Amino acid sequence: MNIPNDPAILVSYLNTQLRDFYPSLEEFCKTNDCDMQEIIDKLARIGYVYDAGQNRFK
């Protein structure tokens, strides 16, 4: 699956996917064959961190 490359679009896309379809970022990454740390690092560069309790980037 192709996920957005632009970090600003990626955060919106991920939060929607996490809210609607996946119980965790780990499950999203397993299902979509993504590198979880790469996503976390990319979004950290624009000030977002993953909140596992809320299952979203903020």
PDB file of N, CA and C in Angstrom:
ATOM      1  N   MET A   1       0.839  -1.185   0.000  1.00  0.00           N
ATOM      2  CA  MET A   1       0.000   0.000   0.000  1.00  0.00           C
ATOM      3  C   MET A   1       0.877   1.238   0.000  1.00  0.00           C
ATOM      4  N   ASN A   2       0.508   2.216  -0.768  1.00  0.00           N
ATOM      5  CA  ASN A   2       1.225   3.484  -0.783  1.00  0.00           C
ATOM      6  C   ASN A   2       0.615   4.421   0.239  1.00  0.00           C
ATOM      7  N   ILE A   3       1.449   4.888   1.145  1.00  0.00           N
ATOM      8  CA  ILE A   3       0.985   5.881   2.104  1.00  0.00           C
ATOM      9  C   ILE A   3       1.573   7.222   1.690  1.00  0.00           C
ATOM     10  N   PRO A   4       0.928   8.319   2.080  1.00  0.00           N
ATOM     11  CA  PRO A   4       1.431   9.638   1.696  1.00  0.00           C
ATOM     12  C   PRO A   4       2.862   9.859   2.167  1.00  0.00           C
ATOM     13  N   ASN A   5       3.644  10.518   1.356  1.00  0.00           N
ATOM     14  CA  ASN A   5       5.031  10.810   1.695  1.00  0.00           C
ATOM     15  C   ASN A   5       5.168  12.147   2.423  1.00  0.00           C
ATOM     16  N   ASP A   6       4.325  13.105   2.082  1.00  0.00           N
ATOM     17  CA  ASP A   6       4.372  14.424   2.714  1.00  0.00           C
ATOM     18  C   ASP A   6       3.945  14.278   4.183  1.00  0.00           C
ATOM     19  N   PRO A   7       4.778  14.707   5.134  1.00  0.00           N
ATOM     20  CA  PRO A   7       4.465  14.507   6.553  1.00  0.00           C
ATOM     21  C   PRO A   7       3.143  15.139   6.997  1.00  0.00           C
ATOM     22  N   ALA A   8       2.809  16.317   6.475  1.00  0.00           N
ATOM     23  CA  ALA A   8       1.564  16.980   6.878  1.00  0.00           C
ATOM     24  C   ALA A   8       0.343  16.187   6.424  1.00  0.00           C
ATOM     25  N   ILE A   9       0.418  15.594   5.261  1.00  0.00           N
ATOM     26  CA  ILE A   9      -0.677  14.771   4.760  1.00  0.00           C
ATOM     27  C   ILE A   9      -0.657  13.416   5.467  1.00  0.00           C
ATOM     28  N   LEU A  10       0.535  12.908   5.711  1.00  0.00           N
ATOM     29  CA  LEU A  10       0.692  11.612   6.376  1.00  0.00           C
ATOM     30  C   LEU A  10       0.052  11.597   7.751  1.00  0.00           C
ATOM     31  N   VAL A  11       0.227  12.639   8.535  1.00  0.00           N
ATOM     32  CA  VAL A  11      -0.329  12.647   9.891  1.00  0.00           C
ATOM     33  C   VAL A  11      -1.851  12.594   9.843  1.00  0.00           C
ATOM     34  N   SER A  12      -2.446  13.322   8.931  1.00  0.00           N
ATOM     35  CA  SER A  12      -3.902  13.289   8.792  1.00  0.00           C
ATOM     36  C   SER A  12      -4.377  11.909   8.341  1.00  0.00           C
ATOM     37  N   TYR A  13      -3.699  11.353   7.356  1.00  0.00           N
ATOM     38  CA  TYR A  13      -4.034  10.027   6.843  1.00  0.00           C
ATOM     39  C   TYR A  13      -3.933   8.975   7.950  1.00  0.00           C
ATOM     40  N   LEU A  14      -2.819   8.997   8.683  1.00  0.00           N
ATOM     41  CA  LEU A  14      -2.615   7.999   9.737  1.00  0.00           C
ATOM     42  C   LEU A  14      -3.652   8.121  10.849  1.00  0.00           C
ATOM     43  N   ASN A  15      -3.926   9.340  11.281  1.00  0.00           N
ATOM     44  CA  ASN A  15      -4.895   9.503  12.358  1.00  0.00           C
ATOM     45  C   ASN A  15      -6.276   9.003  11.937  1.00  0.00           C
ATOM     46  N   THR A  16      -6.636   9.206  10.694  1.00  0.00           N
ATOM     47  CA  THR A  16      -7.910   8.689  10.193  1.00  0.00           C
ATOM     48  C   THR A  16      -7.896   7.166  10.171  1.00  0.00           C
ATOM     49  N   GLN A  17      -6.821   6.589   9.657  1.00  0.00           N
ATOM     50  CA  GLN A  17      -6.707   5.129   9.607  1.00  0.00           C
ATOM     51  C   GLN A  17      -6.730   4.523  11.011  1.00  0.00           C
ATOM     52  N   LEU A  18      -6.001   5.133  11.928  1.00  0.00           N
ATOM     53  CA  LEU A  18      -5.941   4.628  13.298  1.00  0.00           C
ATOM     54  C   LEU A  18      -7.296   4.743  13.985  1.00  0.00           C
ATOM     55  N   ARG A  19      -7.979   5.832  13.750  1.00  0.00           N
ATOM     56  CA  ARG A  19      -9.296   6.025  14.354  1.00  0.00           C
ATOM     57  C   ARG A  19     -10.312   5.024  13.810  1.00  0.00           C
ATOM     58  N   ASP A  20     -10.296   4.823  12.497  1.00  0.00           N
ATOM     59  CA  ASP A  20     -11.361   4.049  11.850  1.00  0.00           C
ATOM     60  C   ASP A  20     -11.093   2.549  11.707  1.00  0.00           C
ATOM     61  N   PHE A  21      -9.811   2.151  11.634  1.00  0.00           N
ATOM     62  CA  PHE A  21      -9.540   0.763  11.249  1.00  0.00           C
ATOM     63  C   PHE A  21      -8.550  -0.010  12.112  1.00  0.00           C
ATOM     64  N   TYR A  22      -7.653   0.655  12.820  1.00  0.00           N
ATOM     65  CA  TYR A  22      -6.562  -0.055  13.491  1.00  0.00           C
ATOM     66  C   TYR A  22      -6.507   0.269  14.973  1.00  0.00           C
ATOM     67  N   PRO A  23      -6.308  -0.739  15.818  1.00  0.00           N
ATOM     68  CA  PRO A  23      -6.236  -0.507  17.261  1.00  0.00           C
ATOM     69  C   PRO A  23      -4.896   0.076  17.720  1.00  0.00           C
ATOM     70  N   SER A  24      -3.887   0.076  16.825  1.00  0.00           N
ATOM     71  CA  SER A  24      -2.574   0.612  17.203  1.00  0.00           C
ATOM     72  C   SER A  24      -1.759   0.921  15.947  1.00  0.00           C
ATOM     73  N   LEU A  25      -0.739   1.733  16.127  1.00  0.00           N
ATOM     74  CA  LEU A  25       0.183   2.028  15.032  1.00  0.00           C
ATOM     75  C   LEU A  25       0.909   0.755  14.620  1.00  0.00           C
ATOM     76  N   GLU A  26       1.229  -0.079  15.580  1.00  0.00           N
ATOM     77  CA  GLU A  26       1.908  -1.335  15.277  1.00  0.00           C
ATOM     78  C   GLU A  26       1.061  -2.200  14.335  1.00  0.00           C
ATOM     79  N   GLU A  27      -0.231  -2.299  14.600  1.00  0.00           N
ATOM     80  CA  GLU A  27      -1.116  -3.083  13.739  1.00  0.00           C
ATOM     81  C   GLU A  27      -1.206  -2.474  12.339  1.00  0.00           C
ATOM     82  N   PHE A  28      -1.276  -1.154  12.267  1.00  0.00           N
ATOM     83  CA  PHE A  28      -1.302  -0.483  10.967  1.00  0.00           C
ATOM     84  C   PHE A  28      -0.049  -0.840  10.183  1.00  0.00           C
ATOM     85  N   CYS A  29       1.102  -0.748  10.835  1.00  0.00           N
ATOM     86  CA  CYS A  29       2.374  -1.000  10.150  1.00  0.00           C
ATOM     87  C   CYS A  29       2.510  -2.461   9.724  1.00  0.00           C
ATOM     88  N   LYS A  30       2.074  -3.382  10.559  1.00  0.00           N
ATOM     89  CA  LYS A  30       2.126  -4.799  10.186  1.00  0.00           C
ATOM     90  C   LYS A  30       1.251  -5.064   8.974  1.00  0.00           C
ATOM     91  N   THR A  31       0.045  -4.563   9.000  1.00  0.00           N
ATOM     92  CA  THR A  31      -0.912  -4.795   7.919  1.00  0.00           C
ATOM     93  C   THR A  31      -0.450  -4.162   6.614  1.00  0.00           C
ATOM     94  N   ASN A  32       0.173  -2.991   6.704  1.00  0.00           N
ATOM     95  CA  ASN A  32       0.552  -2.242   5.511  1.00  0.00           C
ATOM     96  C   ASN A  32       2.038  -2.341   5.174  1.00  0.00           C
ATOM     97  N   ASP A  33       2.751  -3.234   5.863  1.00  0.00           N
ATOM     98  CA  ASP A  33       4.173  -3.468   5.623  1.00  0.00           C
ATOM     99  C   ASP A  33       4.972  -2.163   5.631  1.00  0.00           C
ATOM    100  N   CYS A  34       4.809  -1.411   6.724  1.00  0.00           N
ATOM    101  CA  CYS A  34       5.507  -0.130   6.904  1.00  0.00           C
ATOM    102  C   CYS A  34       6.497  -0.249   8.053  1.00  0.00           C
ATOM    103  N   ASP A  35       7.501   0.591   8.025  1.00  0.00           N
ATOM    104  CA  ASP A  35       8.466   0.670   9.115  1.00  0.00           C
ATOM    105  C   ASP A  35       7.944   1.668  10.148  1.00  0.00           C
ATOM    106  N   MET A  36       7.545   1.167  11.311  1.00  0.00           N
ATOM    107  CA  MET A  36       6.948   2.011  12.328  1.00  0.00           C
ATOM    108  C   MET A  36       7.901   3.117  12.789  1.00  0.00           C
ATOM    109  N   GLN A  37       9.165   2.790  12.998  1.00  0.00           N
ATOM    110  CA  GLN A  37      10.110   3.799  13.476  1.00  0.00           C
ATOM    111  C   GLN A  37      10.330   4.881  12.423  1.00  0.00           C
ATOM    112  N   GLU A  38      10.318   4.513  11.170  1.00  0.00           N
ATOM    113  CA  GLU A  38      10.468   5.502  10.093  1.00  0.00           C
ATOM    114  C   GLU A  38       9.308   6.500  10.118  1.00  0.00           C
ATOM    115  N   ILE A  39       8.101   6.006  10.329  1.00  0.00           N
ATOM    116  CA  ILE A  39       6.933   6.886  10.410  1.00  0.00           C
ATOM    117  C   ILE A  39       7.031   7.794  11.636  1.00  0.00           C
ATOM    118  N   ILE A  40       7.375   7.211  12.780  1.00  0.00           N
ATOM    119  CA  ILE A  40       7.507   8.001  14.010  1.00  0.00           C
ATOM    120  C   ILE A  40       8.546   9.091  13.836  1.00  0.00           C
ATOM    121  N   ASP A  41       9.691   8.757  13.247  1.00  0.00           N
ATOM    122  CA  ASP A  41      10.764   9.732  13.046  1.00  0.00           C
ATOM    123  C   ASP A  41      10.343  10.833  12.073  1.00  0.00           C
ATOM    124  N   LYS A  42       9.671  10.450  10.988  1.00  0.00           N
ATOM    125  CA  LYS A  42       9.248  11.431   9.983  1.00  0.00           C
ATOM    126  C   LYS A  42       8.282  12.445  10.594  1.00  0.00           C
ATOM    127  N   LEU A  43       7.335  11.961  11.394  1.00  0.00           N
ATOM    128  CA  LEU A  43       6.360  12.875  11.985  1.00  0.00           C
ATOM    129  C   LEU A  43       6.945  13.667  13.151  1.00  0.00           C
ATOM    130  N   ALA A  44       7.931  13.113  13.818  1.00  0.00           N
ATOM    131  CA  ALA A  44       8.601  13.856  14.893  1.00  0.00           C
ATOM    132  C   ALA A  44       9.302  15.093  14.334  1.00  0.00           C
ATOM    133  N   ARG A  45       9.785  15.000  13.108  1.00  0.00           N
ATOM    134  CA  ARG A  45      10.466  16.152  12.490  1.00  0.00           C
ATOM    135  C   ARG A  45       9.534  17.343  12.292  1.00  0.00           C
ATOM    136  N   ILE A  46       8.228  17.107  12.263  1.00  0.00           N
ATOM    137  CA  ILE A  46       7.296  18.236  12.155  1.00  0.00           C
ATOM    138  C   ILE A  46       6.507  18.426  13.452  1.00  0.00           C
ATOM    139  N   GLY A  47       7.001  17.828  14.539  1.00  0.00           N
ATOM    140  CA  GLY A  47       6.453  18.093  15.865  1.00  0.00           C
ATOM    141  C   GLY A  47       5.361  17.172  16.354  1.00  0.00           C
ATOM    142  N   TYR A  48       5.137  16.042  15.694  1.00  0.00           N
ATOM    143  CA  TYR A  48       4.102  15.105  16.132  1.00  0.00           C
ATOM    144  C   TYR A  48       4.716  13.906  16.831  1.00  0.00           C
ATOM    145  N   VAL A  49       4.032  13.447  17.878  1.00  0.00           N
ATOM    146  CA  VAL A  49       4.432  12.237  18.581  1.00  0.00           C
ATOM    147  C   VAL A  49       3.227  11.304  18.649  1.00  0.00           C
ATOM    148  N   TYR A  50       3.501  10.010  18.653  1.00  0.00           N
ATOM    149  CA  TYR A  50       2.428   9.028  18.729  1.00  0.00           C
ATOM    150  C   TYR A  50       2.017   8.834  20.175  1.00  0.00           C
ATOM    151  N   ASP A  51       0.738   8.976  20.457  1.00  0.00           N
ATOM    152  CA  ASP A  51       0.172   8.742  21.779  1.00  0.00           C
ATOM    153  C   ASP A  51      -0.556   7.400  21.724  1.00  0.00           C
ATOM    154  N   ALA A  52       0.047   6.355  22.279  1.00  0.00           N
ATOM    155  CA  ALA A  52      -0.524   5.014  22.213  1.00  0.00           C
ATOM    156  C   ALA A  52      -1.837   4.926  22.979  1.00  0.00           C
ATOM    157  N   GLY A  53      -1.976   5.671  24.049  1.00  0.00           N
ATOM    158  CA  GLY A  53      -3.208   5.651  24.831  1.00  0.00           C
ATOM    159  C   GLY A  53      -4.396   6.170  24.046  1.00  0.00           C
ATOM    160  N   GLN A  54      -4.155   7.183  23.228  1.00  0.00           N
ATOM    161  CA  GLN A  54      -5.218   7.750  22.390  1.00  0.00           C
ATOM    162  C   GLN A  54      -5.180   7.193  20.969  1.00  0.00           C
ATOM    163  N   ASN A  55      -4.146   6.413  20.677  1.00  0.00           N
ATOM    164  CA  ASN A  55      -3.962   5.829  19.348  1.00  0.00           C
ATOM    165  C   ASN A  55      -4.025   6.877  18.250  1.00  0.00           C
ATOM    166  N   ARG A  56      -3.207   7.911  18.433  1.00  0.00           N
ATOM    167  CA  ARG A  56      -3.158   8.982  17.438  1.00  0.00           C
ATOM    168  C   ARG A  56      -1.865   9.775  17.568  1.00  0.00           C
ATOM    169  N   PHE A  57      -1.529  10.466  16.492  1.00  0.00           N
ATOM    170  CA  PHE A  57      -0.407  11.394  16.526  1.00  0.00           C
ATOM    171  C   PHE A  57      -0.937  12.753  16.945  1.00  0.00           C
ATOM    172  N   LYS A  58      -0.189  13.401  17.828  1.00  0.00           N
ATOM    173  CA  LYS A  58      -0.583  14.747  18.249  1.00  0.00           C
ATOM    174  C   LYS A  58       0.624  15.603  18.517  1.00  0.00           C
TER     175      LYS A  58
END
